[in-house]
Amino acid sequence: MNADSFSLQFLSPQGESRRLAPVFDSDFPGVSFLSKALSAREAGTFARQIAQSTVPLWWRPAGAPPFPSAGARCWADEIENPTGSDTCGIAFPVSLEHGRSGVMAFAGNSIVIDEAGLCDVHARCFALFGEVAKQRLQDCAKVLPVSKREIECLRLTASGMTSEDIASSLGLSVHTANQYLTNSTHKLNAVNRIHAVAKALRSGLID
């Protein structure tokens, strides 16, 4: 398909604000621009579209020619670019019977896909999503519970705050803030706090 990047994301359960949470992507163990853009609060419309249909969705920058073939466009809907970038993309909604739902998205300005390719890629996305969801259940069972305060520290770290900023914001000492971050890093089996933030984003602990 010639995509430059990909992102697999889980959709929040029914009843919550419709949001996507990155699970893994082409920048693993980091979090790619595509993952961040599609899971941002501003992308709520995209998340709702994913929740409502299994029809593939594609987008392109203003003025760019359509990249799916005419046949593929009969089976996919064009939407407003949810990433705000000048890159083309296509998203395949996926779900499990009586279980999780989500999306597998691809981006790049060299993407080419025809009708047969669209069906093949979507089927592969369903299979991959099922395996990832199964692995996620096993991983979650191994993770130690993360406290509310540890989650707050991770969320502020994701916002770019230093330990000093976090301590000031939460009324803690710098030592205590660092201890919360150390604890959460250990519980998430991460190598450092940046890795812990990435894992917390993927698991939906923070947004």
Protein backbone atom coordinates (compact mmCIF):
# COMPACT_ATOMS: atom_id res chain seq x y z
CA MET A 1 0.00 0.00 0.00
CA ASN A 2 3.08 2.22 0.29
CA ALA A 3 2.14 3.94 3.57
CA ASP A 4 4.80 5.83 5.53
CA SER A 5 3.25 5.31 8.97
CA PHE A 6 0.53 3.34 10.74
CA SER A 7 -1.36 3.46 14.02
CA LEU A 8 -3.52 0.89 15.79
CA GLN A 9 -5.89 2.36 18.38
CA PHE A 10 -8.62 1.18 20.74
CA LEU A 11 -11.93 3.02 20.95
CA SER A 12 -13.19 3.97 24.40
CA PRO A 13 -16.11 1.81 25.65
CA GLN A 14 -19.70 2.89 25.05
CA GLY A 15 -20.86 5.44 27.60
CA GLU A 16 -17.56 7.31 27.76
CA SER A 17 -16.65 10.29 25.62
CA ARG A 18 -15.77 8.78 22.27
CA ARG A 19 -11.97 8.80 22.21
CA LEU A 20 -9.24 6.71 20.67
CA ALA A 21 -6.23 5.44 22.63
CA PRO A 22 -2.99 4.49 20.81
CA VAL A 23 -1.87 0.89 21.29
CA PHE A 24 1.14 0.71 19.00
CA ASP A 25 2.37 2.39 15.84
CA SER A 26 5.27 2.89 13.46
CA ASP A 27 7.21 4.93 16.06
CA PHE A 28 7.03 2.26 18.80
CA PRO A 29 8.06 2.48 21.62
CA GLY A 30 7.35 6.18 21.07
CA VAL A 31 4.02 7.62 19.93
CA SER A 32 3.78 8.80 16.31
CA PHE A 33 2.27 12.04 15.04
CA LEU A 34 -0.52 10.01 13.43
CA SER A 35 -1.41 8.36 16.76
CA LYS A 36 -1.36 11.68 18.61
CA ALA A 37 -3.48 13.41 15.98
CA LEU A 38 -6.17 10.71 15.82
CA SER A 39 -6.41 10.36 19.61
CA ALA A 40 -6.50 14.10 20.39
CA ARG A 41 -9.63 15.64 21.88
CA GLU A 42 -10.01 17.65 18.67
CA ALA A 43 -10.42 14.38 16.75
CA GLY A 44 -13.65 13.44 18.54
CA THR A 45 -15.60 13.55 15.27
CA PHE A 46 -13.24 10.98 13.77
CA ALA A 47 -13.66 8.70 16.80
CA ARG A 48 -17.45 8.90 16.47
CA GLN A 49 -17.22 8.03 12.79
CA ILE A 50 -15.15 4.97 13.66
CA ALA A 51 -17.73 3.96 16.27
CA GLN A 52 -20.66 4.21 13.86
CA SER A 53 -19.51 2.17 10.86
CA THR A 54 -16.99 -0.37 9.60
CA VAL A 55 -16.66 1.39 6.23
CA PRO A 56 -13.04 2.44 5.54
CA LEU A 57 -12.46 6.20 5.73
CA TRP A 58 -9.90 8.11 3.69
CA TRP A 59 -8.67 11.69 3.51
CA ARG A 60 -6.33 13.88 1.50
CA PRO A 61 -4.87 17.39 1.68
CA ALA A 62 -6.76 20.15 -0.12
CA GLY A 63 -6.12 19.98 -3.86
CA ALA A 64 -4.55 16.51 -3.82
CA PRO A 65 -5.98 13.89 -6.21
CA PRO A 66 -7.83 10.90 -4.72
CA PHE A 67 -5.46 7.99 -4.08
CA PRO A 68 -7.96 5.06 -3.85
CA SER A 69 -8.97 3.68 -7.25
CA ALA A 70 -12.47 4.40 -8.55
CA GLY A 71 -13.53 0.90 -7.53
CA ALA A 72 -12.11 1.29 -4.03
CA ARG A 73 -13.89 4.62 -3.57
CA CYS A 74 -17.21 2.79 -4.00
CA TRP A 75 -16.46 0.96 -0.74
CA ALA A 76 -14.82 3.74 1.27
CA ASP A 77 -15.95 7.19 2.41
CA GLU A 78 -13.89 10.35 2.04
CA ILE A 79 -13.82 12.47 5.21
CA GLU A 80 -12.32 15.76 6.31
CA ASN A 81 -8.64 15.32 7.17
CA PRO A 82 -8.66 14.46 10.92
CA THR A 83 -4.91 14.96 11.36
CA GLY A 84 -4.65 18.59 10.25
CA SER A 85 -1.53 17.69 8.25
CA ASP A 86 -0.72 17.75 4.54
CA THR A 87 -0.62 13.95 4.39
CA CYS A 88 -3.09 11.49 2.87
CA GLY A 89 -4.49 8.72 5.02
CA ILE A 90 -6.88 5.82 5.24
CA ALA A 91 -8.49 4.24 8.31
CA PHE A 92 -10.01 0.79 8.69
CA PRO A 93 -12.53 0.45 11.56
CA VAL A 94 -12.15 -2.90 13.31
CA SER A 95 -13.94 -4.72 16.12
CA LEU A 96 -14.34 -7.98 17.97
CA GLU A 97 -17.65 -9.74 18.45
CA HIS A 98 -18.99 -8.63 21.86
CA GLY A 99 -15.65 -7.00 22.56
CA ARG A 100 -13.36 -4.09 21.80
CA SER A 101 -13.48 -1.90 18.73
CA GLY A 102 -10.89 0.40 17.27
CA VAL A 103 -9.11 1.45 14.11
CA MET A 104 -6.02 0.69 12.06
CA ALA A 105 -4.90 3.84 10.23
CA PHE A 106 -2.23 4.43 7.60
CA ALA A 107 -0.75 7.69 6.33
CA GLY A 108 1.57 8.79 3.53
CA ASN A 109 1.49 10.66 0.26
CA SER A 110 2.46 7.62 -1.82
CA ILE A 111 -0.45 5.38 -0.76
CA VAL A 112 -2.09 3.50 -3.62
CA ILE A 113 -4.96 1.07 -3.09
CA ASP A 114 -7.47 -0.60 -5.39
CA GLU A 115 -10.73 -2.41 -4.66
CA ALA A 116 -9.12 -5.82 -4.07
CA GLY A 117 -6.40 -4.27 -1.94
CA LEU A 118 -8.96 -2.43 0.15
CA CYS A 119 -10.74 -5.69 1.01
CA ASP A 120 -7.48 -7.54 1.66
CA VAL A 121 -6.01 -4.86 3.94
CA HIS A 122 -9.27 -4.53 5.89
CA ALA A 123 -9.39 -8.29 6.49
CA ARG A 124 -5.76 -8.27 7.66
CA CYS A 125 -6.53 -5.35 9.99
CA PHE A 126 -9.35 -7.33 11.61
CA ALA A 127 -7.01 -10.29 12.15
CA LEU A 128 -4.22 -8.12 13.57
CA PHE A 129 -6.63 -6.26 15.84
CA GLY A 130 -7.89 -9.54 17.28
CA GLU A 131 -4.37 -10.69 18.11
CA VAL A 132 -3.41 -7.34 19.65
CA ALA A 133 -6.58 -7.23 21.77
CA LYS A 134 -5.86 -10.74 23.04
CA GLN A 135 -2.28 -9.77 23.92
CA ARG A 136 -3.51 -6.58 25.60
CA LEU A 137 -5.74 -8.61 27.93
CA GLN A 138 -2.76 -10.75 28.92
CA ASP A 139 -0.54 -7.68 29.45
CA CYS A 140 -3.15 -5.88 31.56
CA ALA A 141 -3.41 -8.89 33.83
CA LYS A 142 0.33 -8.58 34.56
CA VAL A 143 0.38 -4.82 35.26
CA LEU A 144 0.33 -3.66 38.88
CA PRO A 145 -2.43 -1.13 39.68
CA VAL A 146 -1.34 2.49 39.13
CA SER A 147 -2.60 4.98 41.72
CA LYS A 148 -4.55 8.14 40.92
CA ARG A 149 -1.61 10.34 41.96
CA GLU A 150 0.81 8.33 39.80
CA ILE A 151 -1.55 8.76 36.85
CA GLU A 152 -1.70 12.52 37.48
CA CYS A 153 2.10 12.71 37.43
CA LEU A 154 2.24 10.74 34.19
CA ARG A 155 -0.39 12.97 32.60
CA LEU A 156 1.54 16.11 33.52
CA THR A 157 4.76 14.56 32.23
CA ALA A 158 2.98 13.89 28.93
CA SER A 159 2.10 17.60 28.84
CA GLY A 160 5.79 18.46 28.96
CA MET A 161 6.13 19.34 32.65
CA THR A 162 9.36 18.75 34.57
CA SER A 163 9.46 17.17 38.04
CA GLU A 164 9.65 20.68 39.52
CA ASP A 165 6.58 21.79 37.53
CA ILE A 166 4.64 18.68 38.59
CA ALA A 167 5.56 19.17 42.25
CA SER A 168 4.41 22.80 42.13
CA SER A 169 1.17 21.94 40.31
CA LEU A 170 0.18 19.15 42.71
CA GLY A 171 1.54 20.68 45.92
CA LEU A 172 4.19 18.00 46.35
CA SER A 173 7.91 18.01 47.02
CA VAL A 174 10.12 17.32 44.01
CA HIS A 175 11.29 14.12 45.72
CA THR A 176 7.70 12.89 46.08
CA ALA A 177 6.84 13.74 42.47
CA ASN A 178 9.89 11.81 41.30
CA GLN A 179 8.91 8.88 43.51
CA TYR A 180 5.43 8.73 41.96
CA LEU A 181 7.01 8.72 38.49
CA THR A 182 9.49 6.03 39.49
CA ASN A 183 6.68 3.88 40.90
CA SER A 184 4.52 4.22 37.79
CA THR A 185 7.50 3.46 35.54
CA HIS A 186 8.12 0.24 37.50
CA LYS A 187 4.44 -0.76 37.52
CA LEU A 188 4.15 -0.27 33.76
CA ASN A 189 7.36 -2.24 33.19
CA ALA A 190 8.86 0.73 31.35
CA VAL A 191 12.54 1.60 30.94
CA ASN A 192 12.09 5.31 31.79
CA ARG A 193 9.37 7.91 32.36
CA ILE A 194 9.01 8.70 28.64
CA HIS A 195 8.45 5.01 27.92
CA ALA A 196 5.97 4.93 30.84
CA VAL A 197 4.04 7.85 29.34
CA ALA A 198 3.89 6.06 25.97
CA LYS A 199 2.60 2.86 27.60
CA ALA A 200 0.07 4.82 29.66
CA LEU A 201 -1.23 6.50 26.50
CA ARG A 202 -1.54 3.17 24.74
CA SER A 203 -3.39 1.55 27.62
CA GLY A 204 -5.78 4.49 28.01
CA LEU A 205 -4.55 5.38 31.51
CA ILE A 206 -3.97 8.95 30.32
CA ASP A 207 -5.11 10.95 27.31
